[in-house]
Amino acid sequence: MAEGPRITPTGYAVLGLLSFGRELSGYDLKKWADASLRFFYWSPAVSQIYGELKKLSTAGLVAEREVPVDDLRNKRVYTLTDA
């Protein structure tokens, strides 16, 4: 039996938040987690969210792209892949 990537509970929480179909930044994911997950599950720290996003992206479960915020800055947004 082929094994997929090992996903932590925080990783599943991030995937669940991304399942609504919107492109979200790590900051957006933290705000959503604070507003919704905290009633059922501890709200992960920002560093945990970004760490999980990196792992999920490497595993091919999340796609990322940079979008301009203003003339000087870009932000990275994430969506689920079809994997």
C-alpha atoms as a PDB file:
ATOM      1  CA  MET A   1       0.000   0.000   0.000  1.00  0.00           C
ATOM      2  CA  ALA A   2       1.438   3.367  -1.027  1.00  0.00           C
ATOM      3  CA  GLU A   3       1.687   5.899   1.754  1.00  0.00           C
ATOM      4  CA  GLY A   4       0.948   9.555   1.185  1.00  0.00           C
ATOM      5  CA  PRO A   5       2.540  12.450   3.007  1.00  0.00           C
ATOM      6  CA  ARG A   6       2.330  12.470   6.796  1.00  0.00           C
ATOM      7  CA  ILE A   7      -0.061  15.250   7.713  1.00  0.00           C
ATOM      8  CA  THR A   8      -0.230  16.657  11.229  1.00  0.00           C
ATOM      9  CA  PRO A   9      -3.460  17.793  12.911  1.00  0.00           C
ATOM     10  CA  THR A  10      -2.439  21.391  12.200  1.00  0.00           C
ATOM     11  CA  GLY A  11      -1.915  20.460   8.547  1.00  0.00           C
ATOM     12  CA  TYR A  12      -5.424  19.035   8.384  1.00  0.00           C
ATOM     13  CA  ALA A  13      -6.755  22.224   9.983  1.00  0.00           C
ATOM     14  CA  VAL A  14      -4.983  24.324   7.321  1.00  0.00           C
ATOM     15  CA  LEU A  15      -6.341  22.083   4.547  1.00  0.00           C
ATOM     16  CA  GLY A  16      -9.819  22.434   6.028  1.00  0.00           C
ATOM     17  CA  LEU A  17      -9.587  26.221   6.053  1.00  0.00           C
ATOM     18  CA  LEU A  18      -8.377  26.210   2.445  1.00  0.00           C
ATOM     19  CA  SER A  19     -11.232  23.898   1.417  1.00  0.00           C
ATOM     20  CA  PHE A  20     -13.600  26.868   1.187  1.00  0.00           C
ATOM     21  CA  GLY A  21     -12.031  27.594  -2.200  1.00  0.00           C
ATOM     22  CA  ARG A  22     -10.518  31.004  -1.532  1.00  0.00           C
ATOM     23  CA  GLU A  23      -6.890  31.994  -1.949  1.00  0.00           C
ATOM     24  CA  LEU A  24      -5.608  32.767   1.525  1.00  0.00           C
ATOM     25  CA  SER A  25      -2.323  34.042   2.896  1.00  0.00           C
ATOM     26  CA  GLY A  26      -0.778  32.643   6.061  1.00  0.00           C
ATOM     27  CA  TYR A  27      -2.022  35.749   7.878  1.00  0.00           C
ATOM     28  CA  ASP A  28      -5.566  35.166   6.566  1.00  0.00           C
ATOM     29  CA  LEU A  29      -5.395  31.539   7.683  1.00  0.00           C
ATOM     30  CA  LYS A  30      -4.352  32.646  11.177  1.00  0.00           C
ATOM     31  CA  LYS A  31      -7.295  35.065  11.385  1.00  0.00           C
ATOM     32  CA  TRP A  32      -9.732  32.353  10.222  1.00  0.00           C
ATOM     33  CA  ALA A  33      -8.260  29.860  12.694  1.00  0.00           C
ATOM     34  CA  ASP A  34      -8.593  32.337  15.554  1.00  0.00           C
ATOM     35  CA  ALA A  35     -12.207  33.069  14.609  1.00  0.00           C
ATOM     36  CA  SER A  36     -13.398  29.517  14.019  1.00  0.00           C
ATOM     37  CA  LEU A  37     -11.053  26.713  15.054  1.00  0.00           C
ATOM     38  CA  ARG A  38     -10.506  27.942  18.575  1.00  0.00           C
ATOM     39  CA  PHE A  39     -13.955  26.671  19.551  1.00  0.00           C
ATOM     40  CA  PHE A  40     -13.034  23.085  18.623  1.00  0.00           C
ATOM     41  CA  TYR A  41      -9.245  22.953  18.420  1.00  0.00           C
ATOM     42  CA  TRP A  42      -6.402  25.101  19.686  1.00  0.00           C
ATOM     43  CA  SER A  43      -5.534  27.930  17.336  1.00  0.00           C
ATOM     44  CA  PRO A  44      -2.080  27.348  15.808  1.00  0.00           C
ATOM     45  CA  ALA A  45       0.662  29.954  15.976  1.00  0.00           C
ATOM     46  CA  VAL A  46       1.606  31.859  12.831  1.00  0.00           C
ATOM     47  CA  SER A  47       4.917  29.980  12.685  1.00  0.00           C
ATOM     48  CA  GLN A  48       3.053  26.651  12.751  1.00  0.00           C
ATOM     49  CA  ILE A  49       0.756  27.736   9.931  1.00  0.00           C
ATOM     50  CA  TYR A  50       3.649  28.789   7.695  1.00  0.00           C
ATOM     51  CA  GLY A  51       5.558  25.602   8.517  1.00  0.00           C
ATOM     52  CA  GLU A  52       2.555  23.479   7.577  1.00  0.00           C
ATOM     53  CA  LEU A  53       1.989  25.464   4.374  1.00  0.00           C
ATOM     54  CA  LYS A  54       5.579  24.730   3.338  1.00  0.00           C
ATOM     55  CA  LYS A  55       5.150  20.991   4.036  1.00  0.00           C
ATOM     56  CA  LEU A  56       1.790  20.860   2.253  1.00  0.00           C
ATOM     57  CA  SER A  57       3.229  22.714  -0.745  1.00  0.00           C
ATOM     58  CA  THR A  58       6.184  20.316  -0.927  1.00  0.00           C
ATOM     59  CA  ALA A  59       3.739  17.390  -0.794  1.00  0.00           C
ATOM     60  CA  GLY A  60       1.785  18.891  -3.706  1.00  0.00           C
ATOM     61  CA  LEU A  61      -1.402  19.373  -1.689  1.00  0.00           C
ATOM     62  CA  VAL A  62      -1.274  23.174  -1.747  1.00  0.00           C
ATOM     63  CA  ALA A  63      -0.380  25.568  -4.566  1.00  0.00           C
ATOM     64  CA  GLU A  64       1.164  28.940  -3.841  1.00  0.00           C
ATOM     65  CA  ARG A  65       1.620  32.131  -5.803  1.00  0.00           C
ATOM     66  CA  GLU A  66       2.686  35.684  -5.109  1.00  0.00           C
ATOM     67  CA  VAL A  67       0.309  38.578  -5.620  1.00  0.00           C
ATOM     68  CA  PRO A  68       1.268  42.257  -5.462  1.00  0.00           C
ATOM     69  CA  VAL A  69       0.103  44.191  -2.410  1.00  0.00           C
ATOM     70  CA  ASP A  70       1.559  47.528  -3.457  1.00  0.00           C
ATOM     71  CA  ASP A  71       4.581  48.812  -5.367  1.00  0.00           C
ATOM     72  CA  LEU A  72       7.022  47.460  -2.781  1.00  0.00           C
ATOM     73  CA  ARG A  73       5.511  44.272  -1.417  1.00  0.00           C
ATOM     74  CA  ASN A  74       4.041  40.979  -2.550  1.00  0.00           C
ATOM     75  CA  LYS A  75       2.165  38.436  -0.509  1.00  0.00           C
ATOM     76  CA  ARG A  76       2.015  34.696  -0.984  1.00  0.00           C
ATOM     77  CA  VAL A  77      -1.442  33.126  -1.229  1.00  0.00           C
ATOM     78  CA  TYR A  78      -2.323  29.445  -1.084  1.00  0.00           C
ATOM     79  CA  THR A  79      -5.037  27.219  -2.560  1.00  0.00           C
ATOM     80  CA  LEU A  80      -5.731  23.503  -2.548  1.00  0.00           C
ATOM     81  CA  THR A  81      -4.584  21.425  -5.489  1.00  0.00           C
ATOM     82  CA  ASP A  82      -6.541  18.554  -7.026  1.00  0.00           C
ATOM     83  CA  ALA A  83      -4.188  16.034  -5.365  1.00  0.00           C
END
